[in-house]
Amino acid sequence: MADHTVDARGLQCPMPVIKLSQAIMTAQPGETVELISTDRGSCSDVPAWAADMGHALEEQFEIDNEFHFVLVRS
């Protein structure tokens, strides 16, 4: 279970990444943030954003057309 969860279901690009960015800034280094998105573009956007920002993408999976990403704040 993640320390923080961002529910971006129903939002389209770029909003899932914007919501994730806002949430990860409130997390402490080492804490985890889970993003739940229904936007398929998140599957490429989130890993690229995490790499650019230096955060670790710990998990990425899909359940019932919802995309889940668990990141560790650097």
N, C-alpha and C. Protein backbone atom coordinates (compact mmCIF):
# COMPACT_ATOMS: atom_id res chain seq x y z
N MET A 1 0.84 -1.18 0.00
CA MET A 1 0.00 0.00 0.00
C MET A 1 0.89 1.24 0.00
N ALA A 2 0.53 2.21 -0.85
CA ALA A 2 1.30 3.43 -0.98
C ALA A 2 1.01 4.39 0.18
N ASP A 3 1.95 5.28 0.43
CA ASP A 3 1.76 6.30 1.47
C ASP A 3 0.71 7.33 1.05
N HIS A 4 0.65 7.62 -0.25
CA HIS A 4 -0.28 8.61 -0.80
C HIS A 4 -0.91 8.02 -2.07
N THR A 5 -2.16 8.39 -2.35
CA THR A 5 -2.85 7.92 -3.55
C THR A 5 -3.44 9.11 -4.29
N VAL A 6 -3.26 9.11 -5.60
CA VAL A 6 -3.82 10.14 -6.47
C VAL A 6 -4.84 9.47 -7.38
N ASP A 7 -6.09 9.89 -7.29
CA ASP A 7 -7.14 9.34 -8.13
C ASP A 7 -7.34 10.28 -9.31
N ALA A 8 -6.81 9.89 -10.46
CA ALA A 8 -6.93 10.69 -11.68
C ALA A 8 -7.83 10.00 -12.70
N ARG A 9 -8.69 9.13 -12.24
CA ARG A 9 -9.61 8.44 -13.15
C ARG A 9 -10.53 9.47 -13.80
N GLY A 10 -10.70 9.31 -15.12
CA GLY A 10 -11.57 10.21 -15.87
C GLY A 10 -10.87 11.45 -16.39
N LEU A 11 -9.64 11.68 -15.96
CA LEU A 11 -8.89 12.86 -16.42
C LEU A 11 -8.02 12.49 -17.62
N GLN A 12 -7.89 13.41 -18.54
CA GLN A 12 -7.09 13.20 -19.74
C GLN A 12 -5.77 13.96 -19.62
N CYS A 13 -4.82 13.57 -20.45
CA CYS A 13 -3.51 14.19 -20.52
C CYS A 13 -3.66 15.70 -20.68
N PRO A 14 -2.93 16.47 -19.93
CA PRO A 14 -1.81 16.15 -19.05
C PRO A 14 -2.18 16.06 -17.57
N MET A 15 -3.48 16.06 -17.26
CA MET A 15 -3.91 16.16 -15.86
C MET A 15 -3.42 15.04 -14.94
N PRO A 16 -3.38 13.76 -15.36
CA PRO A 16 -2.86 12.76 -14.43
C PRO A 16 -1.43 13.06 -13.96
N VAL A 17 -0.57 13.50 -14.88
CA VAL A 17 0.81 13.81 -14.50
C VAL A 17 0.86 15.07 -13.65
N ILE A 18 0.01 16.04 -13.94
CA ILE A 18 -0.02 17.27 -13.13
C ILE A 18 -0.46 16.93 -11.70
N LYS A 19 -1.51 16.13 -11.56
CA LYS A 19 -1.98 15.72 -10.23
C LYS A 19 -0.90 14.92 -9.49
N LEU A 20 -0.21 14.04 -10.21
CA LEU A 20 0.88 13.27 -9.62
C LEU A 20 2.00 14.19 -9.16
N SER A 21 2.36 15.14 -9.99
CA SER A 21 3.42 16.09 -9.65
C SER A 21 3.08 16.87 -8.38
N GLN A 22 1.84 17.32 -8.27
CA GLN A 22 1.41 18.05 -7.08
C GLN A 22 1.48 17.18 -5.84
N ALA A 23 1.04 15.93 -5.96
CA ALA A 23 1.02 15.02 -4.81
C ALA A 23 2.41 14.62 -4.37
N ILE A 24 3.29 14.38 -5.33
CA ILE A 24 4.63 13.91 -4.96
C ILE A 24 5.42 15.00 -4.24
N MET A 25 5.07 16.26 -4.50
CA MET A 25 5.75 17.36 -3.82
C MET A 25 5.36 17.44 -2.34
N THR A 26 4.22 16.87 -1.98
CA THR A 26 3.81 16.88 -0.57
C THR A 26 4.36 15.66 0.17
N ALA A 27 4.86 14.67 -0.57
CA ALA A 27 5.43 13.46 0.04
C ALA A 27 6.86 13.73 0.50
N GLN A 28 7.28 12.99 1.49
CA GLN A 28 8.65 13.06 1.97
C GLN A 28 9.53 12.15 1.11
N PRO A 29 10.82 12.46 0.98
CA PRO A 29 11.72 11.55 0.25
C PRO A 29 11.61 10.13 0.80
N GLY A 30 11.48 9.16 -0.12
CA GLY A 30 11.35 7.77 0.26
C GLY A 30 9.91 7.29 0.39
N GLU A 31 8.96 8.21 0.49
CA GLU A 31 7.56 7.82 0.56
C GLU A 31 7.06 7.44 -0.83
N THR A 32 6.00 6.63 -0.86
CA THR A 32 5.44 6.19 -2.13
C THR A 32 4.15 6.92 -2.45
N VAL A 33 3.94 7.14 -3.74
CA VAL A 33 2.73 7.77 -4.25
C VAL A 33 2.17 6.87 -5.34
N GLU A 34 0.90 6.50 -5.23
CA GLU A 34 0.25 5.69 -6.25
C GLU A 34 -0.67 6.59 -7.07
N LEU A 35 -0.55 6.50 -8.37
CA LEU A 35 -1.44 7.19 -9.30
C LEU A 35 -2.36 6.14 -9.93
N ILE A 36 -3.65 6.43 -9.93
CA ILE A 36 -4.63 5.59 -10.62
C ILE A 36 -5.22 6.43 -11.74
N SER A 37 -5.09 5.96 -12.97
CA SER A 37 -5.51 6.73 -14.13
C SER A 37 -6.26 5.83 -15.11
N THR A 38 -7.19 6.43 -15.85
CA THR A 38 -7.87 5.72 -16.93
C THR A 38 -7.37 6.19 -18.29
N ASP A 39 -6.45 7.13 -18.31
CA ASP A 39 -5.88 7.67 -19.54
C ASP A 39 -4.72 6.78 -19.99
N ARG A 40 -4.91 6.08 -21.12
CA ARG A 40 -3.87 5.16 -21.62
C ARG A 40 -2.54 5.87 -21.86
N GLY A 41 -2.58 7.15 -22.17
CA GLY A 41 -1.36 7.92 -22.38
C GLY A 41 -0.46 7.95 -21.15
N SER A 42 -1.06 7.73 -19.99
CA SER A 42 -0.28 7.71 -18.75
C SER A 42 0.77 6.60 -18.76
N CYS A 43 0.51 5.55 -19.53
CA CYS A 43 1.44 4.41 -19.57
C CYS A 43 2.81 4.80 -20.12
N SER A 44 2.85 5.81 -20.95
CA SER A 44 4.15 6.32 -21.42
C SER A 44 4.53 7.62 -20.72
N ASP A 45 3.53 8.45 -20.38
CA ASP A 45 3.81 9.74 -19.76
C ASP A 45 4.41 9.62 -18.37
N VAL A 46 3.85 8.75 -17.54
CA VAL A 46 4.30 8.65 -16.14
C VAL A 46 5.73 8.12 -16.04
N PRO A 47 6.09 7.02 -16.73
CA PRO A 47 7.48 6.57 -16.65
C PRO A 47 8.48 7.63 -17.15
N ALA A 48 8.12 8.33 -18.23
CA ALA A 48 9.01 9.37 -18.75
C ALA A 48 9.15 10.52 -17.76
N TRP A 49 8.03 10.94 -17.16
CA TRP A 49 8.06 12.02 -16.18
C TRP A 49 8.89 11.61 -14.96
N ALA A 50 8.68 10.40 -14.47
CA ALA A 50 9.42 9.92 -13.30
C ALA A 50 10.92 9.91 -13.57
N ALA A 51 11.30 9.44 -14.75
CA ALA A 51 12.73 9.41 -15.10
C ALA A 51 13.30 10.83 -15.19
N ASP A 52 12.56 11.73 -15.80
CA ASP A 52 13.01 13.12 -15.92
C ASP A 52 13.16 13.80 -14.56
N MET A 53 12.26 13.47 -13.63
CA MET A 53 12.26 14.12 -12.32
C MET A 53 13.13 13.40 -11.29
N GLY A 54 13.61 12.21 -11.63
CA GLY A 54 14.48 11.47 -10.73
C GLY A 54 13.77 10.62 -9.69
N HIS A 55 12.48 10.39 -9.89
CA HIS A 55 11.71 9.52 -8.98
C HIS A 55 11.73 8.10 -9.52
N ALA A 56 11.69 7.13 -8.63
CA ALA A 56 11.73 5.72 -9.04
C ALA A 56 10.31 5.22 -9.29
N LEU A 57 10.11 4.60 -10.44
CA LEU A 57 8.85 3.93 -10.73
C LEU A 57 8.96 2.51 -10.21
N GLU A 58 8.31 2.26 -9.08
CA GLU A 58 8.43 0.97 -8.39
C GLU A 58 7.54 -0.10 -9.01
N GLU A 59 6.32 0.30 -9.41
CA GLU A 59 5.37 -0.65 -10.00
C GLU A 59 4.53 0.05 -11.06
N GLN A 60 4.12 -0.72 -12.06
CA GLN A 60 3.18 -0.25 -13.07
C GLN A 60 2.35 -1.45 -13.49
N PHE A 61 1.03 -1.34 -13.35
CA PHE A 61 0.17 -2.45 -13.72
C PHE A 61 -1.21 -1.94 -14.09
N GLU A 62 -2.01 -2.80 -14.73
CA GLU A 62 -3.35 -2.46 -15.16
C GLU A 62 -4.35 -3.43 -14.54
N ILE A 63 -5.46 -2.88 -14.04
CA ILE A 63 -6.56 -3.69 -13.51
C ILE A 63 -7.85 -3.08 -14.04
N ASP A 64 -8.61 -3.87 -14.79
CA ASP A 64 -9.91 -3.43 -15.29
C ASP A 64 -9.86 -2.07 -15.98
N ASN A 65 -8.94 -1.90 -16.92
CA ASN A 65 -8.78 -0.65 -17.68
C ASN A 65 -8.41 0.55 -16.82
N GLU A 66 -7.86 0.30 -15.65
CA GLU A 66 -7.30 1.37 -14.82
C GLU A 66 -5.80 1.10 -14.70
N PHE A 67 -5.03 2.15 -14.89
CA PHE A 67 -3.58 2.05 -14.88
C PHE A 67 -3.06 2.55 -13.54
N HIS A 68 -2.25 1.72 -12.90
CA HIS A 68 -1.71 2.03 -11.58
C HIS A 68 -0.19 2.19 -11.68
N PHE A 69 0.29 3.22 -11.02
CA PHE A 69 1.72 3.52 -10.99
C PHE A 69 2.09 3.81 -9.54
N VAL A 70 3.13 3.16 -9.05
CA VAL A 70 3.62 3.44 -7.70
C VAL A 70 5.03 3.98 -7.84
N LEU A 71 5.20 5.20 -7.36
CA LEU A 71 6.49 5.88 -7.45
C LEU A 71 7.05 6.14 -6.07
N VAL A 72 8.37 6.18 -5.98
CA VAL A 72 9.06 6.53 -4.74
C VAL A 72 9.66 7.90 -4.94
N ARG A 73 9.30 8.83 -4.06
CA ARG A 73 9.84 10.18 -4.18
C ARG A 73 11.33 10.15 -3.87
N SER A 74 12.08 10.83 -4.71
CA SER A 74 13.54 10.91 -4.51
C SER A 74 13.89 11.98 -3.48
